[in-house]
C-alpha atoms as a PDB file:
ATOM      1  CA  UNK A   1      22.383-152.795 -59.164  1.00  0.00           C
ATOM      2  CA  UNK A   2      20.550-149.496 -59.672  1.00  0.00           C
ATOM      3  CA  UNK A   3      18.033-147.977 -57.316  1.00  0.00           C
ATOM      4  CA  UNK A   4      15.426-145.861 -59.134  1.00  0.00           C
ATOM      5  CA  UNK A   5      13.477-143.213 -57.209  1.00  0.00           C
ATOM      6  CA  UNK A   6       9.794-142.780 -57.980  1.00  0.00           C
ATOM      7  CA  UNK A   7       8.481-139.371 -59.019  1.00  0.00           C
ATOM      8  CA  UNK A   8       7.031-137.344 -56.128  1.00  0.00           C
ATOM      9  CA  UNK A   9       9.245-139.118 -53.600  1.00  0.00           C
ATOM     10  CA  UNK A  10      11.934-137.235 -51.664  1.00  0.00           C
ATOM     11  CA  UNK A  11      14.903-138.169 -53.909  1.00  0.00           C
ATOM     12  CA  UNK A  12      13.135-136.543 -56.893  1.00  0.00           C
ATOM     13  CA  UNK A  13      12.527-133.297 -54.973  1.00  0.00           C
ATOM     14  CA  UNK A  14      14.537-130.108 -55.449  1.00  0.00           C
ATOM     15  CA  UNK A  15      14.925-129.905 -51.656  1.00  0.00           C
ATOM     16  CA  UNK A  16      16.545-133.333 -51.207  1.00  0.00           C
ATOM     17  CA  UNK A  17      20.310-133.224 -50.564  1.00  0.00           C
ATOM     18  CA  UNK A  18      21.332-136.851 -51.085  1.00  0.00           C
ATOM     19  CA  UNK A  19      23.552-138.431 -53.729  1.00  0.00           C
ATOM     20  CA  UNK A  20      21.687-138.941 -57.024  1.00  0.00           C
ATOM     21  CA  UNK A  21      22.008-138.664 -60.767  1.00  0.00           C
ATOM     22  CA  UNK A  22      19.713-138.446 -63.749  1.00  0.00           C
ATOM     23  CA  UNK A  23      19.369-141.658 -65.737  1.00  0.00           C
ATOM     24  CA  UNK A  24      20.174-141.885 -69.416  1.00  0.00           C
ATOM     25  CA  UNK A  25      16.556-141.154 -70.371  1.00  0.00           C
ATOM     26  CA  UNK A  26      16.595-137.800 -68.539  1.00  0.00           C
ATOM     27  CA  UNK A  27      13.549-138.741 -66.454  1.00  0.00           C
ATOM     28  CA  UNK A  28      14.650-141.416 -63.991  1.00  0.00           C
ATOM     29  CA  UNK A  29      16.532-140.482 -60.841  1.00  0.00           C
ATOM     30  CA  UNK A  30      19.140-143.062 -59.878  1.00  0.00           C
ATOM     31  CA  UNK A  31      20.377-143.459 -56.316  1.00  0.00           C
ATOM     32  CA  UNK A  32      23.428-145.175 -54.879  1.00  0.00           C
ATOM     33  CA  UNK A  33      21.979-148.278 -53.140  1.00  0.00           C
ATOM     34  CA  UNK A  34      24.714-147.999 -50.506  1.00  0.00           C
ATOM     35  CA  UNK A  35      23.656-144.407 -49.660  1.00  0.00           C
ATOM     36  CA  UNK A  36      19.963-143.986 -50.566  1.00  0.00           C
ATOM     37  CA  UNK A  37      19.194-141.341 -47.926  1.00  0.00           C
ATOM     38  CA  UNK A  38      19.653-137.564 -47.879  1.00  0.00           C
ATOM     39  CA  UNK A  39      18.589-134.604 -45.783  1.00  0.00           C
ATOM     40  CA  UNK A  40      15.583-132.435 -46.556  1.00  0.00           C
ATOM     41  CA  UNK A  41      16.673-128.813 -47.003  1.00  0.00           C
ATOM     42  CA  UNK A  42      14.204-125.968 -46.511  1.00  0.00           C
ATOM     43  CA  UNK A  43      11.184-128.276 -46.735  1.00  0.00           C
ATOM     44  CA  UNK A  44       8.727-129.430 -44.077  1.00  0.00           C
ATOM     45  CA  UNK A  45      11.160-132.170 -42.979  1.00  0.00           C
ATOM     46  CA  UNK A  46      14.123-129.747 -42.933  1.00  0.00           C
ATOM     47  CA  UNK A  47      17.244-131.357 -41.522  1.00  0.00           C
ATOM     48  CA  UNK A  48      15.834-134.866 -41.287  1.00  0.00           C
ATOM     49  CA  UNK A  49      17.191-137.838 -43.202  1.00  0.00           C
ATOM     50  CA  UNK A  50      14.763-138.926 -45.929  1.00  0.00           C
ATOM     51  CA  UNK A  51      14.847-142.083 -48.019  1.00  0.00           C
ATOM     52  CA  UNK A  52      13.542-143.247 -51.400  1.00  0.00           C
ATOM     53  CA  UNK A  53      10.077-144.142 -50.087  1.00  0.00           C
ATOM     54  CA  UNK A  54       9.507-140.875 -48.164  1.00  0.00           C
ATOM     55  CA  UNK A  55       7.286-138.094 -49.516  1.00  0.00           C
ATOM     56  CA  UNK A  56       5.479-134.939 -48.376  1.00  0.00           C
ATOM     57  CA  UNK A  57       2.885-132.456 -49.590  1.00  0.00           C
ATOM     58  CA  UNK A  58       5.434-129.775 -50.553  1.00  0.00           C
ATOM     59  CA  UNK A  59       7.362-131.694 -53.225  1.00  0.00           C
ATOM     60  CA  UNK A  60       9.170-129.629 -55.884  1.00  0.00           C
ATOM     61  CA  UNK A  61      10.373-131.445 -58.997  1.00  0.00           C
ATOM     62  CA  UNK A  62      14.189-131.567 -59.113  1.00  0.00           C
ATOM     63  CA  UNK A  63      15.263-129.102 -61.797  1.00  0.00           C
ATOM     64  CA  UNK A  64      17.485-131.703 -63.494  1.00  0.00           C
ATOM     65  CA  UNK A  65      14.537-133.962 -64.392  1.00  0.00           C
ATOM     66  CA  UNK A  66      13.593-133.464 -68.039  1.00  0.00           C
ATOM     67  CA  UNK A  67      10.068-132.290 -68.821  1.00  0.00           C
ATOM     68  CA  UNK A  68       7.674-134.921 -70.167  1.00  0.00           C
ATOM     69  CA  UNK A  69       7.847-135.497 -73.898  1.00  0.00           C
ATOM     70  CA  UNK A  70       4.716-134.655 -75.847  1.00  0.00           C
ATOM     71  CA  UNK A  71       4.085-135.636 -79.414  1.00  0.00           C
ATOM     72  CA  UNK A  72       2.133-132.712 -80.853  1.00  0.00           C
ATOM     73  CA  UNK A  73       2.746-133.969 -84.397  1.00  0.00           C
ATOM     74  CA  UNK A  74       0.370-136.901 -83.938  1.00  0.00           C
ATOM     75  CA  UNK A  75      -2.663-134.693 -83.230  1.00  0.00           C
ATOM     76  CA  UNK A  76      -4.885-133.801 -86.180  1.00  0.00           C
ATOM     77  CA  UNK A  77      -4.841-130.136 -87.193  1.00  0.00           C
ATOM     78  CA  UNK A  78      -7.502-127.995 -85.551  1.00  0.00           C
ATOM     79  CA  UNK A  79     -10.229-126.795 -87.923  1.00  0.00           C
END
């Protein structure tokens, strides 16, 4: 069973130090269900254990998450 972290939650933050990996699509962050918690490092909750439902106002997107895909080819040319 996979545990997927939601964007803007602690496990998707650059400052979260738990065990995680990027899913096959490059956007989802997968957690080990047996160890879904990790410490906040250098954030407002520094040193505290944070889980998949935790969040804060100083979230930084984890650098391993791929940028959103945009389809610029579908837009009509600008006149």
